[in-house]
Amino acid sequence: MSIWWSLHLRREAASVPLARRLLVGAMDTAGVDPDISYDLSVALSEACANAVEHGGAATSEASGAYRVTAYLDGEMCRIEVADSGPGIPSRKGRAALQQAPDDAEHGRGLCLIHELADHVHVVNKPGRTGVVVSFDKILKWRTDTPLLAV
């Protein structure tokens, strides 16, 4: 079975739960194990929150939005969140992951995504015109999955 969807969202806080609900609904309908669904929904929320906060100046049409794409294909789920912000400081084209200080109120999102997903890629778009955060997780299925029974 293969399901994919893509959203073009405004950089507004209200877009984060919308993306999360769509992902959870698709995974629930497909019969994905609730623990896997939860991990991916938290990771997606963190990636979307980063895009909303850091994804570009809201003054222009292009930078006032970000894109979320999710693929459930066979035993794997891949999620990509792309924005049009200034990018992340990088080393050899790869965004540098930095641990937040213990007393910081922000800065743990990418680390959390790394803990919840099986593979994570954070890259700057060419010319530092945004960031693409993509992460994969191997899916597990509920035993009562209606779509698998067909």
Protein backbone atom coordinates (compact mmCIF):
# COMPACT_ATOMS: atom_id res chain seq x y z
CA MET A 1 0.00 0.00 0.00
CA SER A 2 1.18 3.48 -0.79
CA ILE A 3 -0.25 6.82 0.43
CA TRP A 4 1.23 10.27 -0.04
CA TRP A 5 0.07 13.83 0.46
CA SER A 6 1.57 17.28 0.28
CA LEU A 7 0.47 20.50 1.95
CA HIS A 8 1.42 24.09 1.29
CA LEU A 9 0.88 25.84 4.64
CA ARG A 10 1.15 29.39 5.92
CA ARG A 11 3.84 30.04 8.49
CA GLU A 12 1.31 30.32 11.31
CA ALA A 13 1.16 28.39 14.56
CA ALA A 14 -2.30 27.05 13.67
CA SER A 15 -0.82 25.14 10.73
CA VAL A 16 1.17 22.81 13.01
CA PRO A 17 -1.78 20.90 14.52
CA LEU A 18 -3.43 20.76 11.09
CA ALA A 19 -0.45 18.94 9.58
CA ARG A 20 -0.22 16.67 12.63
CA ARG A 21 -3.92 15.73 12.48
CA LEU A 22 -3.73 14.91 8.78
CA LEU A 23 -0.73 12.66 9.35
CA VAL A 24 -2.30 10.88 12.33
CA GLY A 25 -5.57 10.42 10.43
CA ALA A 26 -3.81 8.90 7.42
CA MET A 27 -1.75 6.57 9.61
CA ASP A 28 -4.78 5.55 11.66
CA THR A 29 -6.77 4.78 8.51
CA ALA A 30 -3.85 2.79 7.10
CA GLY A 31 -3.54 0.83 10.35
CA VAL A 32 -0.17 2.08 11.58
CA ASP A 33 0.68 1.11 15.17
CA PRO A 34 -0.35 3.99 17.51
CA ASP A 35 3.13 4.24 19.10
CA ILE A 36 4.76 4.73 15.69
CA SER A 37 2.03 7.20 14.73
CA TYR A 38 2.65 9.17 17.92
CA ASP A 39 6.43 9.32 17.37
CA LEU A 40 5.99 10.56 13.81
CA SER A 41 3.34 13.11 14.82
CA VAL A 42 5.64 14.60 17.48
CA ALA A 43 8.56 14.71 15.03
CA LEU A 44 6.33 16.36 12.41
CA SER A 45 5.12 18.92 14.96
CA GLU A 46 8.72 19.83 15.79
CA ALA A 47 9.70 20.17 12.13
CA CYS A 48 6.64 22.32 11.39
CA ALA A 49 7.23 24.49 14.46
CA ASN A 50 10.79 25.11 13.23
CA ALA A 51 9.48 26.08 9.78
CA VAL A 52 6.94 28.45 11.32
CA GLU A 53 9.50 30.09 13.59
CA HIS A 54 12.57 30.15 11.35
CA GLY A 55 11.24 29.54 7.83
CA GLY A 56 11.58 33.02 6.37
CA ALA A 57 10.29 36.55 6.61
CA ALA A 58 6.50 36.61 6.51
CA THR A 59 6.64 39.79 4.43
CA SER A 60 6.95 38.01 1.09
CA GLU A 61 4.50 35.55 -0.47
CA ALA A 62 7.04 32.75 -0.91
CA SER A 63 8.61 32.98 2.54
CA GLY A 64 5.23 33.19 4.27
CA ALA A 65 4.64 29.48 3.62
CA TYR A 66 6.22 26.07 4.00
CA ARG A 67 5.58 22.62 2.54
CA VAL A 68 4.90 19.30 4.25
CA THR A 69 4.98 16.05 2.28
CA ALA A 70 4.34 12.61 3.77
CA TYR A 71 4.85 9.24 2.09
CA LEU A 72 3.62 5.96 3.55
CA ASP A 73 5.06 3.38 1.23
CA GLY A 74 5.15 -0.28 2.18
CA GLU A 75 6.94 -0.58 5.50
CA MET A 76 8.35 2.97 5.56
CA CYS A 77 7.09 6.46 6.24
CA ARG A 78 9.05 9.47 5.03
CA ILE A 79 8.14 13.01 5.97
CA GLU A 80 9.66 16.18 4.50
CA VAL A 81 9.20 19.72 5.75
CA ALA A 82 10.67 22.45 3.52
CA ASP A 83 10.77 26.17 4.21
CA SER A 84 12.23 29.22 2.51
CA GLY A 85 14.16 30.71 5.42
CA PRO A 86 17.81 31.68 5.73
CA GLY A 87 19.02 28.12 6.25
CA ILE A 88 20.99 26.57 9.09
CA PRO A 89 24.73 26.97 9.62
CA SER A 90 26.24 23.96 7.88
CA ARG A 91 29.28 21.81 7.44
CA LYS A 92 29.86 20.54 3.90
CA GLY A 93 26.23 21.21 2.89
CA ARG A 94 24.76 19.39 5.89
CA ALA A 95 23.05 21.40 8.60
CA ALA A 96 25.01 21.32 11.84
CA LEU A 97 23.03 19.86 14.74
CA GLN A 98 23.70 21.76 17.95
CA GLN A 99 22.58 20.72 21.42
CA ALA A 100 20.60 23.39 23.27
CA PRO A 101 21.87 24.50 26.68
CA ASP A 102 20.05 22.84 29.59
CA ASP A 103 18.33 26.08 30.60
CA ALA A 104 17.20 27.02 27.06
CA GLU A 105 13.47 27.19 26.32
CA HIS A 106 14.00 26.43 22.61
CA GLY A 107 16.42 24.52 20.43
CA ARG A 108 15.59 20.87 21.06
CA GLY A 109 13.35 20.19 18.07
CA LEU A 110 15.92 18.69 15.70
CA CYS A 111 17.43 16.60 18.51
CA LEU A 112 13.96 15.27 19.34
CA ILE A 113 13.32 14.42 15.68
CA HIS A 114 16.62 12.48 15.67
CA GLU A 115 15.45 10.49 18.70
CA LEU A 116 12.00 9.69 17.28
CA ALA A 117 12.89 8.80 13.68
CA ASP A 118 15.10 6.08 12.22
CA HIS A 119 16.90 8.33 9.70
CA VAL A 120 17.02 12.13 9.63
CA HIS A 121 18.41 14.46 6.97
CA VAL A 122 18.59 18.23 7.45
CA VAL A 123 19.94 20.08 4.44
CA ASN A 124 19.99 23.64 3.25
CA LYS A 125 18.46 24.26 -0.14
CA PRO A 126 20.96 25.55 -2.73
CA GLY A 127 21.91 29.15 -2.07
CA ARG A 128 20.68 28.95 1.53
CA THR A 129 17.12 29.71 0.47
CA GLY A 130 15.55 27.42 2.99
CA VAL A 131 15.89 24.13 4.81
CA VAL A 132 14.53 20.66 4.10
CA VAL A 133 14.07 18.41 7.11
CA SER A 134 13.28 14.83 6.11
CA PHE A 135 12.94 11.83 8.34
CA ASP A 136 12.03 8.16 7.93
CA LYS A 137 10.61 5.57 10.25
CA ILE A 138 9.91 1.89 9.72
CA LEU A 139 6.22 1.25 10.20
CA LYS A 140 4.57 -1.34 12.40
CA TRP A 141 0.94 -2.28 11.88
CA ARG A 142 -2.05 -2.89 14.13
CA THR A 143 -3.41 -6.42 13.93
CA ASP A 144 -6.93 -5.15 13.18
CA THR A 145 -5.89 -3.08 10.16
CA PRO A 146 -8.81 -2.91 7.71
CA LEU A 147 -6.64 -1.99 4.70
CA LEU A 148 -4.31 -4.94 5.26
CA ALA A 149 -7.19 -7.42 5.43
CA VAL A 150 -8.17 -6.78 1.79
